[in-house]
Amino acid sequence: MRYWQVGSGQLERCYADECLKYGVACVPPDGTNKGRMLSVQSGDRILLRQGLRIVAVGEAEVRDGVCSGEGDKPWLRDLDGWNMSVYCHVRWFRPEEPIPVHRMQGALCSAERLKPIADEILRACTRPEPRAEEPSPTVPVTDDEMLTALVNHGLRPPVAQVITALNRLRSLASYYYSSVQWKDVREHEIRTFLVVPLLLALGWDERQLKVELPISGRRRLDLACFAAHYRLDAKRSSGSPGCILIIETKAFDKGLHSAPAQAKAYAAEVSSCRTVVVSNGYCYKAFRRNARGELAAAPSAYVNLLQPQDRYPLDPLNVAGALEAMKCLLPPLPA
């Protein structure tokens, strides 16, 4: 029996809930982490770390004939944009409170020194975490399908312009993902080089966009999109030409985990806003107002531009995918 410590992201890029819900531990498919994960055997003990806290301990187990694997769980290839497709099956036990640890380790590493903590948690916890059925597979969406949907929904710029923009954005996002330190790609770069170029390609006019729009106190909207050209008195307007779309951008290493609550709090002060979108530059998660004017707690649609799908991979039964998410980013049709 071996002891392993596996990370589950930071506060703003956390996937511990998914690991516990579906009974897995997962890592990205790079050489070192992949090799370690695929060597995990049934009975090995896994400590699930979030930042500097151990949030659960589990025992690796065989399920459907395998203990570990790679690439055969589609939802793990897109955890809000992050490829975590190498996994092992785990029966998790969660302590009443997370256990602090003194230093952060890599994505997956030996944890023999934490053996007493693991054994004590397993001794004290009598019931494992309930395990849900994993999300059903989604279907890839082609660019032709996305563009057809956009045209049918009122896309005005030439299709070739959108294709060119998508190709450039994907190239840059892939570069950020694989060739630089994620922490070096800051929020303003995401907004400047990825989000705004996409909006312009979809037909927004620069005069409809306001970056870091003050709303109250020291709070600012990362990107406010207006139904018509921005005017000084438009930011609080409850009607046209008020702000109809708010986009909250996050630095590349932060993910979308905590952004919705922040963005929806901002939208509460802008009654004309119809949709809130959170984005790391290549993933866009949209929240629409319902018939009562309330922003939904769950996302309405999601798209990962690097691998568009017909539904949201983490909740395909309830959340739409690329076609609906892209529609949310279109400017309003002219009156």
C-alpha atoms as a PDB file:
ATOM      1  CA  MET A   1       0.000   0.000   0.000  1.00  0.00           C
ATOM      2  CA  ARG A   2       1.282   3.456  -0.954  1.00  0.00           C
ATOM      3  CA  TYR A   3       0.210   6.927   0.123  1.00  0.00           C
ATOM      4  CA  TRP A   4      -0.328   9.710  -2.431  1.00  0.00           C
ATOM      5  CA  GLN A   5      -1.147  13.382  -2.195  1.00  0.00           C
ATOM      6  CA  VAL A   6      -3.084  14.868  -5.130  1.00  0.00           C
ATOM      7  CA  GLY A   7      -3.982  18.519  -5.701  1.00  0.00           C
ATOM      8  CA  SER A   8      -7.457  19.751  -6.611  1.00  0.00           C
ATOM      9  CA  GLY A   9      -6.685  23.335  -7.555  1.00  0.00           C
ATOM     10  CA  GLN A  10      -6.767  26.615  -5.694  1.00  0.00           C
ATOM     11  CA  LEU A  11      -9.778  28.535  -4.404  1.00  0.00           C
ATOM     12  CA  GLU A  12     -10.504  30.126  -7.793  1.00  0.00           C
ATOM     13  CA  ARG A  13      -9.675  27.035  -9.860  1.00  0.00           C
ATOM     14  CA  CYS A  14     -10.979  24.235  -7.705  1.00  0.00           C
ATOM     15  CA  TYR A  15     -12.306  20.863  -8.814  1.00  0.00           C
ATOM     16  CA  ALA A  16     -12.393  19.107  -5.428  1.00  0.00           C
ATOM     17  CA  ASP A  17     -16.195  18.985  -5.552  1.00  0.00           C
ATOM     18  CA  GLU A  18     -16.130  17.080  -8.836  1.00  0.00           C
ATOM     19  CA  CYS A  19     -13.529  14.630  -7.495  1.00  0.00           C
ATOM     20  CA  LEU A  20     -15.617  13.916  -4.401  1.00  0.00           C
ATOM     21  CA  LYS A  21     -18.923  13.794  -6.259  1.00  0.00           C
ATOM     22  CA  TYR A  22     -17.791  11.265  -8.867  1.00  0.00           C
ATOM     23  CA  GLY A  23     -15.219   9.328  -6.851  1.00  0.00           C
ATOM     24  CA  VAL A  24     -12.037  10.151  -8.747  1.00  0.00           C
ATOM     25  CA  ALA A  25      -8.645  11.784  -8.385  1.00  0.00           C
ATOM     26  CA  CYS A  26      -7.317  13.405 -11.539  1.00  0.00           C
ATOM     27  CA  VAL A  27      -4.216  15.093 -12.946  1.00  0.00           C
ATOM     28  CA  PRO A  28      -3.203  16.690 -16.260  1.00  0.00           C
ATOM     29  CA  PRO A  29      -1.722  14.385 -18.894  1.00  0.00           C
ATOM     30  CA  ASP A  30       1.913  15.443 -18.586  1.00  0.00           C
ATOM     31  CA  GLY A  31       4.650  12.837 -18.299  1.00  0.00           C
ATOM     32  CA  THR A  32       5.414  12.808 -14.566  1.00  0.00           C
ATOM     33  CA  ASN A  33       1.885  13.130 -13.220  1.00  0.00           C
ATOM     34  CA  LYS A  34       0.492  10.744 -15.805  1.00  0.00           C
ATOM     35  CA  GLY A  35       3.021   8.051 -14.970  1.00  0.00           C
ATOM     36  CA  ARG A  36       2.380   8.323 -11.244  1.00  0.00           C
ATOM     37  CA  MET A  37      -1.386   8.283 -11.581  1.00  0.00           C
ATOM     38  CA  LEU A  38      -1.378   5.264 -13.866  1.00  0.00           C
ATOM     39  CA  SER A  39       0.779   3.420 -11.315  1.00  0.00           C
ATOM     40  CA  VAL A  40      -1.817   3.843  -8.532  1.00  0.00           C
ATOM     41  CA  GLN A  41      -3.128   0.459  -7.423  1.00  0.00           C
ATOM     42  CA  SER A  42      -6.261  -0.650  -5.639  1.00  0.00           C
ATOM     43  CA  GLY A  43      -5.875  -0.093  -1.898  1.00  0.00           C
ATOM     44  CA  ASP A  44      -3.450   2.827  -2.217  1.00  0.00           C
ATOM     45  CA  ARG A  45      -4.458   5.755  -0.040  1.00  0.00           C
ATOM     46  CA  ILE A  46      -5.029   9.175  -1.592  1.00  0.00           C
ATOM     47  CA  LEU A  47      -5.026  12.520   0.240  1.00  0.00           C
ATOM     48  CA  LEU A  48      -7.017  15.149  -1.656  1.00  0.00           C
ATOM     49  CA  ARG A  49      -5.414  18.557  -1.197  1.00  0.00           C
ATOM     50  CA  GLN A  50      -6.914  21.958  -1.932  1.00  0.00           C
ATOM     51  CA  GLY A  51      -4.238  24.590  -1.473  1.00  0.00           C
ATOM     52  CA  LEU A  52      -2.732  24.000   1.966  1.00  0.00           C
ATOM     53  CA  ARG A  53      -5.577  21.859   3.277  1.00  0.00           C
ATOM     54  CA  ILE A  54      -6.410  18.167   3.079  1.00  0.00           C
ATOM     55  CA  VAL A  55     -10.143  18.029   2.317  1.00  0.00           C
ATOM     56  CA  ALA A  56     -10.586  14.252   1.996  1.00  0.00           C
ATOM     57  CA  VAL A  57      -8.785  10.934   2.124  1.00  0.00           C
ATOM     58  CA  GLY A  58      -9.689   7.898   0.096  1.00  0.00           C
ATOM     59  CA  GLU A  59      -8.753   4.437  -1.018  1.00  0.00           C
ATOM     60  CA  ALA A  60      -8.090   3.703  -4.677  1.00  0.00           C
ATOM     61  CA  GLU A  61     -10.432   1.032  -5.974  1.00  0.00           C
ATOM     62  CA  VAL A  62     -11.181  -0.990  -9.068  1.00  0.00           C
ATOM     63  CA  ARG A  63     -14.355   0.080 -10.853  1.00  0.00           C
ATOM     64  CA  ASP A  64     -15.614  -1.345 -14.129  1.00  0.00           C
ATOM     65  CA  GLY A  65     -12.489  -3.468 -14.250  1.00  0.00           C
ATOM     66  CA  VAL A  66      -9.938  -0.647 -13.927  1.00  0.00           C
ATOM     67  CA  CYS A  67      -8.301   1.319 -11.115  1.00  0.00           C
ATOM     68  CA  SER A  68      -6.765   4.112 -13.218  1.00  0.00           C
ATOM     69  CA  GLY A  69      -6.919   5.279 -16.792  1.00  0.00           C
ATOM     70  CA  GLU A  70      -6.577   8.114 -19.278  1.00  0.00           C
ATOM     71  CA  GLY A  71      -8.870   9.824 -21.743  1.00  0.00           C
ATOM     72  CA  ASP A  72     -11.950   7.632 -21.432  1.00  0.00           C
ATOM     73  CA  LYS A  73     -13.900  10.048 -19.188  1.00  0.00           C
ATOM     74  CA  PRO A  74     -14.795  12.915 -21.564  1.00  0.00           C
ATOM     75  CA  TRP A  75     -15.904  15.291 -18.804  1.00  0.00           C
ATOM     76  CA  LEU A  76     -12.391  15.222 -17.311  1.00  0.00           C
ATOM     77  CA  ARG A  77     -10.980  16.650 -20.534  1.00  0.00           C
ATOM     78  CA  ASP A  78     -12.790  19.929 -19.852  1.00  0.00           C
ATOM     79  CA  LEU A  79     -13.008  20.867 -16.184  1.00  0.00           C
ATOM     80  CA  ASP A  80     -13.999  24.455 -17.033  1.00  0.00           C
ATOM     81  CA  GLY A  81     -11.165  24.546 -19.543  1.00  0.00           C
ATOM     82  CA  TRP A  82      -8.552  22.360 -17.843  1.00  0.00           C
ATOM     83  CA  ASN A  83      -7.595  18.947 -19.210  1.00  0.00           C
ATOM     84  CA  MET A  84      -7.436  16.576 -16.234  1.00  0.00           C
ATOM     85  CA  SER A  85      -7.979  13.391 -18.194  1.00  0.00           C
ATOM     86  CA  VAL A  86      -5.674  11.048 -16.240  1.00  0.00           C
ATOM     87  CA  TYR A  87      -7.485   9.599 -13.241  1.00  0.00           C
ATOM     88  CA  CYS A  88      -7.904   6.858 -10.673  1.00  0.00           C
ATOM     89  CA  HIS A  89     -11.076   5.670  -8.988  1.00  0.00           C
ATOM     90  CA  VAL A  90     -11.286   6.551  -5.292  1.00  0.00           C
ATOM     91  CA  ARG A  91     -13.702   5.850  -2.471  1.00  0.00           C
ATOM     92  CA  TRP A  92     -13.517   9.125  -0.572  1.00  0.00           C
ATOM     93  CA  PHE A  93     -13.946   9.877   3.136  1.00  0.00           C
ATOM     94  CA  ARG A  94     -14.288  13.496   4.238  1.00  0.00           C
ATOM     95  CA  PRO A  95     -13.329  14.789   7.704  1.00  0.00           C
ATOM     96  CA  GLU A  96     -15.591  17.266   9.483  1.00  0.00           C
ATOM     97  CA  GLU A  97     -13.036  20.017   8.888  1.00  0.00           C
ATOM     98  CA  PRO A  98     -10.154  20.263   6.370  1.00  0.00           C
ATOM     99  CA  ILE A  99      -6.728  19.393   7.779  1.00  0.00           C
ATOM    100  CA  PRO A 100      -4.015  22.064   7.278  1.00  0.00           C
ATOM    101  CA  VAL A 101      -0.666  21.036   5.813  1.00  0.00           C
ATOM    102  CA  HIS A 102       2.537  23.034   5.936  1.00  0.00           C
ATOM    103  CA  ARG A 103       3.595  23.153   2.329  1.00  0.00           C
ATOM    104  CA  MET A 104       2.212  22.731  -1.124  1.00  0.00           C
ATOM    105  CA  GLN A 105       3.306  19.800  -3.276  1.00  0.00           C
ATOM    106  CA  GLY A 106       2.941  19.066  -6.968  1.00  0.00           C
ATOM    107  CA  ALA A 107      -0.173  17.773  -8.710  1.00  0.00           C
ATOM    108  CA  LEU A 108       0.547  14.206  -7.546  1.00  0.00           C
ATOM    109  CA  CYS A 109       3.322  13.043  -5.246  1.00  0.00           C
ATOM    110  CA  SER A 110       4.203  10.535  -2.579  1.00  0.00           C
ATOM    111  CA  ALA A 111       2.677  11.296   0.823  1.00  0.00           C
ATOM    112  CA  GLU A 112       4.287   8.768   3.148  1.00  0.00           C
ATOM    113  CA  ARG A 113       4.995  11.548   5.659  1.00  0.00           C
ATOM    114  CA  LEU A 114       1.229  12.196   5.884  1.00  0.00           C
ATOM    115  CA  LYS A 115       0.416   8.558   6.585  1.00  0.00           C
ATOM    116  CA  PRO A 116      -0.727   9.264  10.208  1.00  0.00           C
ATOM    117  CA  ILE A 117      -3.182  11.931   8.995  1.00  0.00           C
ATOM    118  CA  ALA A 118      -4.605   9.646   6.323  1.00  0.00           C
ATOM    119  CA  ASP A 119      -4.970   6.689   8.666  1.00  0.00           C
ATOM    120  CA  GLU A 120      -6.654   8.797  11.347  1.00  0.00           C
ATOM    121  CA  ILE A 121      -9.196  10.258   8.906  1.00  0.00           C
ATOM    122  CA  LEU A 122     -10.033   6.803   7.584  1.00  0.00           C
ATOM    123  CA  ARG A 123     -10.348   5.463  11.117  1.00  0.00           C
ATOM    124  CA  ALA A 124     -12.670   8.279  12.192  1.00  0.00           C
ATOM    125  CA  CYS A 125     -14.878   8.378   9.066  1.00  0.00           C
ATOM    126  CA  THR A 126     -17.265   5.437   8.919  1.00  0.00           C
ATOM    127  CA  ARG A 127     -19.238   6.402   5.818  1.00  0.00           C
ATOM    128  CA  PRO A 128     -17.730   7.136   2.410  1.00  0.00           C
ATOM    129  CA  GLU A 129     -18.886  10.076   0.327  1.00  0.00           C
ATOM    130  CA  PRO A 130     -21.903   9.156  -1.814  1.00  0.00           C
ATOM    131  CA  ARG A 131     -20.925   8.764  -5.441  1.00  0.00           C
ATOM    132  CA  ALA A 132     -23.033  10.192  -8.273  1.00  0.00           C
ATOM    133  CA  GLU A 133     -23.340   8.868 -11.784  1.00  0.00           C
ATOM    134  CA  GLU A 134     -20.740  10.530 -13.993  1.00  0.00           C
ATOM    135  CA  PRO A 135     -21.844  13.108 -16.584  1.00  0.00           C
ATOM    136  CA  SER A 136     -22.919  11.622 -19.884  1.00  0.00           C
ATOM    137  CA  PRO A 137     -20.677  12.224 -22.916  1.00  0.00           C
ATOM    138  CA  THR A 138     -21.143  15.363 -24.979  1.00  0.00           C
ATOM    139  CA  VAL A 139     -20.881  15.792 -28.739  1.00  0.00           C
ATOM    140  CA  PRO A 140     -18.261  18.016 -30.412  1.00  0.00           C
ATOM    141  CA  VAL A 141     -19.600  21.063 -32.240  1.00  0.00           C
ATOM    142  CA  THR A 142     -17.933  22.122 -35.489  1.00  0.00           C
ATOM    143  CA  ASP A 143     -17.180  25.694 -36.466  1.00  0.00           C
ATOM    144  CA  ASP A 144     -19.666  25.365 -39.318  1.00  0.00           C
ATOM    145  CA  GLU A 145     -22.387  24.454 -36.828  1.00  0.00           C
ATOM    146  CA  MET A 146     -21.482  27.377 -34.576  1.00  0.00           C
ATOM    147  CA  LEU A 147     -21.396  29.840 -37.440  1.00  0.00           C
ATOM    148  CA  THR A 148     -24.696  28.607 -38.867  1.00  0.00           C
ATOM    149  CA  ALA A 149     -26.326  29.079 -35.473  1.00  0.00           C
ATOM    150  CA  LEU A 150     -24.867  32.577 -35.174  1.00  0.00           C
ATOM    151  CA  VAL A 151     -26.013  33.584 -38.660  1.00  0.00           C
ATOM    152  CA  ASN A 152     -29.512  32.288 -37.929  1.00  0.00           C
ATOM    153  CA  HIS A 153     -29.474  34.329 -34.721  1.00  0.00           C
ATOM    154  CA  GLY A 154     -28.519  37.559 -36.476  1.00  0.00           C
ATOM    155  CA  LEU A 155     -24.725  37.557 -36.944  1.00  0.00           C
ATOM    156  CA  ARG A 156     -23.928  40.607 -39.060  1.00  0.00           C
ATOM    157  CA  PRO A 157     -20.155  40.524 -39.732  1.00  0.00           C
ATOM    158  CA  PRO A 158     -18.854  38.300 -42.554  1.00  0.00           C
ATOM    159  CA  VAL A 159     -18.453  34.667 -41.525  1.00  0.00           C
ATOM    160  CA  ALA A 160     -14.843  34.747 -42.742  1.00  0.00           C
ATOM    161  CA  GLN A 161     -14.106  37.486 -40.177  1.00  0.00           C
ATOM    162  CA  VAL A 162     -15.368  35.296 -37.330  1.00  0.00           C
ATOM    163  CA  ILE A 163     -13.410  32.258 -38.563  1.00  0.00           C
ATOM    164  CA  THR A 164     -10.201  34.311 -38.715  1.00  0.00           C
ATOM    165  CA  ALA A 165     -10.787  35.616 -35.199  1.00  0.00           C
ATOM    166  CA  LEU A 166     -11.505  32.150 -33.798  1.00  0.00           C
ATOM    167  CA  ASN A 167      -8.330  30.745 -35.327  1.00  0.00           C
ATOM    168  CA  ARG A 168      -6.207  33.556 -33.889  1.00  0.00           C
ATOM    169  CA  LEU A 169      -7.796  33.298 -30.457  1.00  0.00           C
ATOM    170  CA  ARG A 170      -7.342  29.538 -30.339  1.00  0.00           C
ATOM    171  CA  SER A 171      -3.706  29.860 -31.314  1.00  0.00           C
ATOM    172  CA  LEU A 172      -3.060  32.402 -28.559  1.00  0.00           C
ATOM    173  CA  ALA A 173      -5.049  30.501 -25.917  1.00  0.00           C
ATOM    174  CA  SER A 174      -3.185  27.293 -26.768  1.00  0.00           C
ATOM    175  CA  TYR A 175       0.103  29.171 -26.429  1.00  0.00           C
ATOM    176  CA  TYR A 176      -0.906  30.482 -23.008  1.00  0.00           C
ATOM    177  CA  TYR A 177      -2.037  27.014 -21.944  1.00  0.00           C
ATOM    178  CA  SER A 178       1.032  25.049 -22.996  1.00  0.00           C
ATOM    179  CA  SER A 179       3.988  27.404 -23.396  1.00  0.00           C
ATOM    180  CA  VAL A 180       4.006  29.928 -20.532  1.00  0.00           C
ATOM    181  CA  GLN A 181       3.458  30.027 -16.788  1.00  0.00           C
ATOM    182  CA  TRP A 182      -0.273  30.482 -16.275  1.00  0.00           C
ATOM    183  CA  LYS A 183       0.280  32.940 -13.428  1.00  0.00           C
ATOM    184  CA  ASP A 184       2.076  35.247 -15.865  1.00  0.00           C
ATOM    185  CA  VAL A 185      -1.033  35.685 -18.050  1.00  0.00           C
ATOM    186  CA  ARG A 186      -2.889  38.420 -16.197  1.00  0.00           C
ATOM    187  CA  GLU A 187      -6.524  39.406 -16.328  1.00  0.00           C
ATOM    188  CA  HIS A 188      -5.944  42.520 -18.446  1.00  0.00           C
ATOM    189  CA  GLU A 189      -4.158  40.410 -21.079  1.00  0.00           C
ATOM    190  CA  ILE A 190      -7.077  37.990 -21.201  1.00  0.00           C
ATOM    191  CA  ARG A 191      -9.479  40.867 -21.712  1.00  0.00           C
ATOM    192  CA  THR A 192      -7.316  42.720 -24.253  1.00  0.00           C
ATOM    193  CA  PHE A 193      -6.036  39.882 -26.409  1.00  0.00           C
ATOM    194  CA  LEU A 194      -8.808  37.276 -26.190  1.00  0.00           C
ATOM    195  CA  VAL A 195     -12.188  38.593 -25.041  1.00  0.00           C
ATOM    196  CA  VAL A 196     -12.463  41.988 -26.746  1.00  0.00           C
ATOM    197  CA  PRO A 197     -11.197  40.686 -30.138  1.00  0.00           C
ATOM    198  CA  LEU A 198     -13.906  38.006 -30.071  1.00  0.00           C
ATOM    199  CA  LEU A 199     -16.609  40.552 -29.301  1.00  0.00           C
ATOM    200  CA  LEU A 200     -15.453  42.832 -32.107  1.00  0.00           C
ATOM    201  CA  ALA A 201     -15.425  39.899 -34.532  1.00  0.00           C
ATOM    202  CA  LEU A 202     -19.012  39.085 -33.524  1.00  0.00           C
ATOM    203  CA  GLY A 203     -20.120  42.601 -34.409  1.00  0.00           C
ATOM    204  CA  TRP A 204     -19.830  44.742 -31.292  1.00  0.00           C
ATOM    205  CA  ASP A 205     -18.680  48.311 -31.866  1.00  0.00           C
ATOM    206  CA  GLU A 206     -15.912  49.689 -29.651  1.00  0.00           C
ATOM    207  CA  ARG A 207     -18.291  52.491 -28.673  1.00  0.00           C
ATOM    208  CA  GLN A 208     -20.614  49.880 -27.137  1.00  0.00           C
ATOM    209  CA  LEU A 209     -17.879  48.528 -24.865  1.00  0.00           C
ATOM    210  CA  LYS A 210     -16.676  50.048 -21.618  1.00  0.00           C
ATOM    211  CA  VAL A 211     -13.685  48.556 -19.795  1.00  0.00           C
ATOM    212  CA  GLU A 212     -13.618  48.707 -15.981  1.00  0.00           C
ATOM    213  CA  LEU A 213     -16.833  50.674 -15.694  1.00  0.00           C
ATOM    214  CA  PRO A 214     -17.291  52.098 -12.148  1.00  0.00           C
ATOM    215  CA  ILE A 215     -20.602  51.139 -10.546  1.00  0.00           C
ATOM    216  CA  SER A 216     -20.417  51.788  -6.770  1.00  0.00           C
ATOM    217  CA  GLY A 217     -17.698  52.474  -4.286  1.00  0.00           C
ATOM    218  CA  ARG A 218     -14.485  51.131  -5.755  1.00  0.00           C
ATOM    219  CA  ARG A 219     -16.163  48.339  -7.681  1.00  0.00           C
ATOM    220  CA  ARG A 220     -15.829  48.150 -11.452  1.00  0.00           C
ATOM    221  CA  LEU A 221     -17.273  45.965 -14.168  1.00  0.00           C
ATOM    222  CA  ASP A 222     -14.452  44.275 -16.078  1.00  0.00           C
ATOM    223  CA  LEU A 223     -16.278  44.699 -19.375  1.00  0.00           C
ATOM    224  CA  ALA A 224     -19.702  46.298 -19.831  1.00  0.00           C
ATOM    225  CA  CYS A 225     -21.444  45.894 -23.189  1.00  0.00           C
ATOM    226  CA  PHE A 226     -24.123  48.404 -24.140  1.00  0.00           C
ATOM    227  CA  ALA A 227     -27.120  48.134 -26.442  1.00  0.00           C
ATOM    228  CA  ALA A 228     -26.028  51.355 -28.150  1.00  0.00           C
ATOM    229  CA  HIS A 229     -23.075  53.714 -27.941  1.00  0.00           C
ATOM    230  CA  TYR A 230     -22.030  54.315 -24.338  1.00  0.00           C
ATOM    231  CA  ARG A 231     -23.102  57.614 -22.795  1.00  0.00           C
ATOM    232  CA  LEU A 232     -22.029  59.088 -19.478  1.00  0.00           C
ATOM    233  CA  ASP A 233     -25.477  58.543 -17.936  1.00  0.00           C
ATOM    234  CA  ALA A 234     -25.995  55.085 -19.420  1.00  0.00           C
ATOM    235  CA  LYS A 235     -24.256  52.881 -16.900  1.00  0.00           C
ATOM    236  CA  ARG A 236     -27.189  52.762 -14.464  1.00  0.00           C
ATOM    237  CA  SER A 237     -29.942  52.983 -17.028  1.00  0.00           C
ATOM    238  CA  SER A 238     -32.713  50.407 -16.643  1.00  0.00           C
ATOM    239  CA  GLY A 239     -33.441  50.479 -20.356  1.00  0.00           C
ATOM    240  CA  SER A 240     -31.805  51.067 -23.716  1.00  0.00           C
ATOM    241  CA  PRO A 241     -29.076  52.056 -24.223  1.00  0.00           C
ATOM    242  CA  GLY A 242     -28.116  50.534 -20.873  1.00  0.00           C
ATOM    243  CA  CYS A 243     -25.589  47.827 -20.219  1.00  0.00           C
ATOM    244  CA  ILE A 244     -27.087  44.522 -21.422  1.00  0.00           C
ATOM    245  CA  LEU A 245     -24.089  42.204 -21.032  1.00  0.00           C
ATOM    246  CA  ILE A 246     -21.450  42.045 -18.305  1.00  0.00           C
ATOM    247  CA  ILE A 247     -18.305  40.000 -18.809  1.00  0.00           C
ATOM    248  CA  GLU A 248     -16.168  39.189 -15.792  1.00  0.00           C
ATOM    249  CA  THR A 249     -12.671  38.209 -16.905  1.00  0.00           C
ATOM    250  CA  LYS A 250     -10.279  36.117 -14.854  1.00  0.00           C
ATOM    251  CA  ALA A 251      -6.528  35.626 -15.042  1.00  0.00           C
ATOM    252  CA  PHE A 252      -5.489  32.472 -16.867  1.00  0.00           C
ATOM    253  CA  ASP A 253      -4.605  30.513 -13.724  1.00  0.00           C
ATOM    254  CA  LYS A 254      -7.762  31.416 -11.802  1.00  0.00           C
ATOM    255  CA  GLY A 255     -10.491  29.564 -13.637  1.00  0.00           C
ATOM    256  CA  LEU A 256     -14.214  30.238 -13.352  1.00  0.00           C
ATOM    257  CA  HIS A 257     -14.985  28.737  -9.956  1.00  0.00           C
ATOM    258  CA  SER A 258     -15.589  31.891  -7.885  1.00  0.00           C
ATOM    259  CA  ALA A 259     -16.249  34.402 -10.679  1.00  0.00           C
ATOM    260  CA  PRO A 260     -20.039  33.915 -11.081  1.00  0.00           C
ATOM    261  CA  ALA A 261     -20.923  35.132  -7.568  1.00  0.00           C
ATOM    262  CA  GLN A 262     -18.802  38.245  -8.023  1.00  0.00           C
ATOM    263  CA  ALA A 263     -20.209  39.012 -11.470  1.00  0.00           C
ATOM    264  CA  LYS A 264     -23.819  38.445 -10.393  1.00  0.00           C
ATOM    265  CA  ALA A 265     -23.365  40.788  -7.436  1.00  0.00           C
ATOM    266  CA  TYR A 266     -22.265  43.462  -9.885  1.00  0.00           C
ATOM    267  CA  ALA A 267     -25.191  42.736 -12.203  1.00  0.00           C
ATOM    268  CA  ALA A 268     -27.632  43.281  -9.339  1.00  0.00           C
ATOM    269  CA  GLU A 269     -26.727  46.971  -9.551  1.00  0.00           C
ATOM    270  CA  VAL A 270     -27.310  47.150 -13.316  1.00  0.00           C
ATOM    271  CA  SER A 271     -30.966  46.372 -13.893  1.00  0.00           C
ATOM    272  CA  SER A 272     -30.685  46.564 -17.686  1.00  0.00           C
ATOM    273  CA  CYS A 273     -28.169  43.684 -17.772  1.00  0.00           C
ATOM    274  CA  ARG A 274     -29.689  40.580 -19.351  1.00  0.00           C
ATOM    275  CA  THR A 275     -26.719  38.237 -19.234  1.00  0.00           C
ATOM    276  CA  VAL A 276     -23.593  37.810 -17.144  1.00  0.00           C
ATOM    277  CA  VAL A 277     -20.648  35.919 -18.642  1.00  0.00           C
ATOM    278  CA  VAL A 278     -17.495  34.813 -16.854  1.00  0.00           C
ATOM    279  CA  SER A 279     -14.460  33.991 -18.974  1.00  0.00           C
ATOM    280  CA  ASN A 280     -10.800  33.035 -18.795  1.00  0.00           C
ATOM    281  CA  GLY A 281     -10.399  34.012 -22.450  1.00  0.00           C
ATOM    282  CA  TYR A 282     -11.283  30.731 -24.119  1.00  0.00           C
ATOM    283  CA  CYS A 283     -14.044  29.390 -21.851  1.00  0.00           C
ATOM    284  CA  TYR A 284     -17.264  31.374 -21.546  1.00  0.00           C
ATOM    285  CA  LYS A 285     -19.945  30.532 -18.962  1.00  0.00           C
ATOM    286  CA  ALA A 286     -23.193  32.469 -19.367  1.00  0.00           C
ATOM    287  CA  PHE A 287     -25.872  33.244 -16.757  1.00  0.00           C
ATOM    288  CA  ARG A 288     -29.156  34.702 -18.019  1.00  0.00           C
ATOM    289  CA  ARG A 289     -31.897  36.514 -16.143  1.00  0.00           C
ATOM    290  CA  ASN A 290     -35.058  34.441 -15.759  1.00  0.00           C
ATOM    291  CA  ALA A 291     -38.634  35.590 -16.262  1.00  0.00           C
ATOM    292  CA  ARG A 292     -38.640  37.160 -12.783  1.00  0.00           C
ATOM    293  CA  GLY A 293     -35.529  39.182 -13.611  1.00  0.00           C
ATOM    294  CA  GLU A 294     -33.285  37.054 -11.409  1.00  0.00           C
ATOM    295  CA  LEU A 295     -29.915  35.770 -12.515  1.00  0.00           C
ATOM    296  CA  ALA A 296     -29.957  31.988 -12.403  1.00  0.00           C
ATOM    297  CA  ALA A 297     -27.731  30.261  -9.869  1.00  0.00           C
ATOM    298  CA  ALA A 298     -26.662  27.674 -12.437  1.00  0.00           C
ATOM    299  CA  PRO A 299     -25.150  28.584 -15.803  1.00  0.00           C
ATOM    300  CA  SER A 300     -27.397  28.780 -18.845  1.00  0.00           C
ATOM    301  CA  ALA A 301     -24.712  27.844 -21.363  1.00  0.00           C
ATOM    302  CA  TYR A 302     -20.981  27.145 -21.670  1.00  0.00           C
ATOM    303  CA  VAL A 303     -18.433  27.024 -24.448  1.00  0.00           C
ATOM    304  CA  ASN A 304     -14.778  26.072 -24.483  1.00  0.00           C
ATOM    305  CA  LEU A 305     -13.523  27.527 -27.755  1.00  0.00           C
ATOM    306  CA  LEU A 306     -10.655  25.028 -27.866  1.00  0.00           C
ATOM    307  CA  GLN A 307     -13.083  22.096 -27.884  1.00  0.00           C
ATOM    308  CA  PRO A 308     -16.713  23.237 -28.341  1.00  0.00           C
ATOM    309  CA  GLN A 309     -19.375  20.732 -27.254  1.00  0.00           C
ATOM    310  CA  ASP A 310     -23.129  20.529 -27.664  1.00  0.00           C
ATOM    311  CA  ARG A 311     -23.676  20.614 -23.881  1.00  0.00           C
ATOM    312  CA  TYR A 312     -21.765  21.668 -20.778  1.00  0.00           C
ATOM    313  CA  PRO A 313     -19.489  18.679 -20.027  1.00  0.00           C
ATOM    314  CA  LEU A 314     -19.958  18.943 -16.246  1.00  0.00           C
ATOM    315  CA  ASP A 315     -23.760  19.190 -16.390  1.00  0.00           C
ATOM    316  CA  PRO A 316     -24.956  18.089 -19.825  1.00  0.00           C
ATOM    317  CA  LEU A 317     -28.517  17.390 -18.691  1.00  0.00           C
ATOM    318  CA  ASN A 318     -29.188  20.961 -17.569  1.00  0.00           C
ATOM    319  CA  VAL A 319     -26.771  23.357 -19.256  1.00  0.00           C
ATOM    320  CA  ALA A 320     -26.554  24.162 -22.966  1.00  0.00           C
ATOM    321  CA  GLY A 321     -23.295  24.175 -24.866  1.00  0.00           C
ATOM    322  CA  ALA A 322     -21.418  26.057 -27.553  1.00  0.00           C
ATOM    323  CA  LEU A 323     -24.315  27.139 -29.754  1.00  0.00           C
ATOM    324  CA  GLU A 324     -26.270  28.842 -26.980  1.00  0.00           C
ATOM    325  CA  ALA A 325     -23.169  30.291 -25.300  1.00  0.00           C
ATOM    326  CA  MET A 326     -22.029  31.944 -28.525  1.00  0.00           C
ATOM    327  CA  LYS A 327     -25.490  33.410 -29.054  1.00  0.00           C
ATOM    328  CA  CYS A 328     -25.187  35.045 -25.625  1.00  0.00           C
ATOM    329  CA  LEU A 329     -22.136  36.939 -26.884  1.00  0.00           C
ATOM    330  CA  LEU A 330     -23.814  38.454 -29.937  1.00  0.00           C
ATOM    331  CA  PRO A 331     -24.664  42.184 -29.934  1.00  0.00           C
ATOM    332  CA  PRO A 332     -28.348  43.132 -30.109  1.00  0.00           C
ATOM    333  CA  LEU A 333     -29.971  43.381 -33.510  1.00  0.00           C
ATOM    334  CA  PRO A 334     -30.611  46.930 -34.731  1.00  0.00           C
ATOM    335  CA  ALA A 335     -34.106  48.233 -34.027  1.00  0.00           C
END
